[in-house]
Amino acid sequence: MIELFYSSTPNGRKISIMLEELKFDYKVTEINLSEGEQFKPEFRKISPLSKIPVITDHKNKVSIFQSGA
């Protein structure tokens, strides 16, 4: 399963639109940027630069981060 770490920003929304169009099975985990959740150590493990969006493929243990995700 793919997990999308998301915030309601243009970059976050475009990834969710893409996943819907591709009909991928995915889970959304919202990151609250105004509360600084992107700077928490557990999030920085998958996004070292504290950027969203992040797509994590749990099956293959791969994460792609930043707006290029």
N, C-alpha and C. Protein backbone atom coordinates (compact mmCIF):
# COMPACT_ATOMS: atom_id res chain seq x y z
N MET A 1 0.83 -1.18 0.00
CA MET A 1 0.00 0.00 0.00
C MET A 1 0.88 1.25 0.00
N ILE A 2 0.39 2.27 -0.67
CA ILE A 2 1.05 3.57 -0.72
C ILE A 2 0.45 4.45 0.37
N GLU A 3 1.31 5.18 1.07
CA GLU A 3 0.85 6.15 2.07
C GLU A 3 1.29 7.53 1.60
N LEU A 4 0.34 8.44 1.57
CA LEU A 4 0.61 9.81 1.18
C LEU A 4 0.61 10.68 2.43
N PHE A 5 1.73 11.29 2.72
CA PHE A 5 1.83 12.26 3.81
C PHE A 5 1.56 13.60 3.16
N TYR A 6 0.52 14.27 3.63
CA TYR A 6 -0.15 15.31 2.86
C TYR A 6 -0.48 16.51 3.74
N SER A 7 -0.53 17.66 3.12
CA SER A 7 -1.12 18.84 3.71
C SER A 7 -1.91 19.51 2.60
N SER A 8 -2.93 20.24 2.95
CA SER A 8 -3.80 20.84 1.94
C SER A 8 -3.13 22.06 1.30
N THR A 9 -2.14 21.77 0.50
CA THR A 9 -1.41 22.78 -0.27
C THR A 9 -1.50 22.36 -1.74
N PRO A 10 -1.18 23.25 -2.66
CA PRO A 10 -1.22 22.83 -4.07
C PRO A 10 -0.37 21.59 -4.36
N ASN A 11 0.84 21.52 -3.80
CA ASN A 11 1.68 20.34 -4.03
C ASN A 11 1.08 19.09 -3.40
N GLY A 12 0.50 19.22 -2.23
CA GLY A 12 -0.14 18.07 -1.59
C GLY A 12 -1.35 17.58 -2.37
N ARG A 13 -2.16 18.51 -2.84
CA ARG A 13 -3.37 18.13 -3.58
C ARG A 13 -3.06 17.48 -4.92
N LYS A 14 -2.02 17.95 -5.61
CA LYS A 14 -1.77 17.38 -6.93
C LYS A 14 -1.37 15.91 -6.85
N ILE A 15 -0.72 15.53 -5.77
CA ILE A 15 -0.35 14.11 -5.61
C ILE A 15 -1.58 13.26 -5.33
N SER A 16 -2.49 13.76 -4.49
CA SER A 16 -3.72 12.99 -4.23
C SER A 16 -4.56 12.86 -5.49
N ILE A 17 -4.59 13.90 -6.31
CA ILE A 17 -5.32 13.83 -7.59
C ILE A 17 -4.69 12.77 -8.48
N MET A 18 -3.37 12.76 -8.56
CA MET A 18 -2.69 11.76 -9.39
C MET A 18 -3.00 10.34 -8.92
N LEU A 19 -2.94 10.12 -7.59
CA LEU A 19 -3.21 8.78 -7.07
C LEU A 19 -4.64 8.35 -7.36
N GLU A 20 -5.58 9.29 -7.29
CA GLU A 20 -6.98 8.98 -7.64
C GLU A 20 -7.10 8.62 -9.12
N GLU A 21 -6.48 9.41 -9.97
CA GLU A 21 -6.55 9.16 -11.41
C GLU A 21 -5.95 7.80 -11.78
N LEU A 22 -4.89 7.41 -11.08
CA LEU A 22 -4.25 6.12 -11.33
C LEU A 22 -4.98 4.96 -10.66
N LYS A 23 -5.98 5.30 -9.83
CA LYS A 23 -6.76 4.30 -9.08
C LYS A 23 -5.90 3.44 -8.17
N PHE A 24 -4.88 4.09 -7.57
CA PHE A 24 -4.02 3.42 -6.60
C PHE A 24 -4.76 3.27 -5.28
N ASP A 25 -4.48 2.18 -4.60
CA ASP A 25 -4.95 1.99 -3.23
C ASP A 25 -3.97 2.73 -2.33
N TYR A 26 -4.44 3.75 -1.63
CA TYR A 26 -3.52 4.54 -0.81
C TYR A 26 -4.21 5.02 0.46
N LYS A 27 -3.38 5.38 1.40
CA LYS A 27 -3.82 5.91 2.69
C LYS A 27 -3.27 7.33 2.80
N VAL A 28 -4.06 8.24 3.37
CA VAL A 28 -3.62 9.62 3.55
C VAL A 28 -3.32 9.86 5.03
N THR A 29 -2.16 10.41 5.30
CA THR A 29 -1.80 10.86 6.64
C THR A 29 -1.55 12.35 6.54
N GLU A 30 -2.39 13.13 7.20
CA GLU A 30 -2.27 14.59 7.12
C GLU A 30 -1.17 15.09 8.04
N ILE A 31 -0.36 15.99 7.52
CA ILE A 31 0.71 16.64 8.28
C ILE A 31 0.28 18.08 8.49
N ASN A 32 0.16 18.49 9.75
CA ASN A 32 -0.27 19.84 10.08
C ASN A 32 0.94 20.77 10.10
N LEU A 33 1.09 21.52 9.02
CA LEU A 33 2.26 22.40 8.88
C LEU A 33 2.23 23.55 9.88
N SER A 34 1.04 24.04 10.21
CA SER A 34 0.96 25.17 11.14
C SER A 34 1.36 24.78 12.56
N GLU A 35 1.30 23.49 12.87
CA GLU A 35 1.74 23.01 14.18
C GLU A 35 3.17 22.46 14.15
N GLY A 36 3.81 22.54 13.00
CA GLY A 36 5.21 22.11 12.88
C GLY A 36 5.42 20.61 12.84
N GLU A 37 4.38 19.85 12.48
CA GLU A 37 4.52 18.39 12.44
C GLU A 37 5.58 17.93 11.46
N GLN A 38 5.89 18.75 10.47
CA GLN A 38 6.91 18.36 9.49
C GLN A 38 8.31 18.36 10.08
N PHE A 39 8.47 18.92 11.26
CA PHE A 39 9.79 18.96 11.91
C PHE A 39 9.97 17.87 12.97
N LYS A 40 8.94 17.07 13.20
CA LYS A 40 9.06 15.99 14.19
C LYS A 40 10.04 14.93 13.69
N PRO A 41 10.82 14.36 14.61
CA PRO A 41 11.85 13.37 14.22
C PRO A 41 11.30 12.20 13.40
N GLU A 42 10.12 11.71 13.73
CA GLU A 42 9.57 10.56 12.99
C GLU A 42 9.23 10.93 11.55
N PHE A 43 8.81 12.19 11.32
CA PHE A 43 8.55 12.62 9.94
C PHE A 43 9.86 12.88 9.20
N ARG A 44 10.85 13.42 9.88
CA ARG A 44 12.14 13.71 9.24
C ARG A 44 12.87 12.44 8.82
N LYS A 45 12.49 11.29 9.39
CA LYS A 45 13.09 10.03 8.95
C LYS A 45 12.70 9.71 7.51
N ILE A 46 11.49 10.11 7.11
CA ILE A 46 11.05 9.83 5.73
C ILE A 46 11.19 11.04 4.83
N SER A 47 11.30 12.23 5.40
CA SER A 47 11.49 13.45 4.63
C SER A 47 12.56 14.30 5.32
N PRO A 48 13.82 14.03 5.06
CA PRO A 48 14.92 14.69 5.78
C PRO A 48 14.91 16.22 5.71
N LEU A 49 14.31 16.78 4.66
CA LEU A 49 14.25 18.23 4.52
C LEU A 49 12.93 18.82 5.06
N SER A 50 12.13 17.97 5.70
CA SER A 50 10.85 18.38 6.32
C SER A 50 9.86 18.94 5.31
N LYS A 51 9.83 18.36 4.13
CA LYS A 51 8.94 18.83 3.06
C LYS A 51 7.83 17.83 2.80
N ILE A 52 6.69 18.37 2.37
CA ILE A 52 5.59 17.53 1.88
C ILE A 52 5.40 17.84 0.41
N PRO A 53 4.80 16.96 -0.34
CA PRO A 53 4.26 15.66 0.02
C PRO A 53 5.34 14.59 0.08
N VAL A 54 4.96 13.48 0.71
CA VAL A 54 5.81 12.28 0.74
C VAL A 54 4.93 11.11 0.34
N ILE A 55 5.44 10.29 -0.55
CA ILE A 55 4.77 9.04 -0.90
C ILE A 55 5.65 7.92 -0.36
N THR A 56 5.07 7.06 0.45
CA THR A 56 5.81 5.91 0.98
C THR A 56 5.17 4.63 0.46
N ASP A 57 5.98 3.81 -0.17
CA ASP A 57 5.55 2.49 -0.62
C ASP A 57 6.00 1.51 0.45
N HIS A 58 5.07 1.11 1.30
CA HIS A 58 5.42 0.25 2.43
C HIS A 58 5.85 -1.15 1.98
N LYS A 59 5.31 -1.61 0.88
CA LYS A 59 5.66 -2.94 0.38
C LYS A 59 7.14 -3.00 -0.01
N ASN A 60 7.60 -1.96 -0.71
CA ASN A 60 8.99 -1.95 -1.18
C ASN A 60 9.93 -1.11 -0.30
N LYS A 61 9.36 -0.53 0.76
CA LYS A 61 10.13 0.27 1.73
C LYS A 61 10.91 1.40 1.06
N VAL A 62 10.17 2.19 0.25
CA VAL A 62 10.76 3.31 -0.47
C VAL A 62 9.90 4.55 -0.23
N SER A 63 10.55 5.69 -0.01
CA SER A 63 9.85 6.96 0.13
C SER A 63 10.40 7.96 -0.87
N ILE A 64 9.48 8.73 -1.45
CA ILE A 64 9.83 9.83 -2.35
C ILE A 64 9.26 11.08 -1.71
N PHE A 65 10.07 12.12 -1.59
CA PHE A 65 9.61 13.31 -0.87
C PHE A 65 9.87 14.58 -1.66
N GLN A 66 9.27 15.64 -1.21
CA GLN A 66 9.25 17.00 -1.75
C GLN A 66 8.21 17.11 -2.85
N SER A 67 8.13 18.28 -3.46
CA SER A 67 7.08 18.52 -4.45
C SER A 67 7.23 17.67 -5.69
N GLY A 68 8.40 17.11 -5.90
CA GLY A 68 8.61 16.22 -7.04
C GLY A 68 8.11 14.80 -6.80
N ALA A 69 7.56 14.56 -5.62
CA ALA A 69 7.08 13.21 -5.31
C ALA A 69 6.06 12.76 -6.33
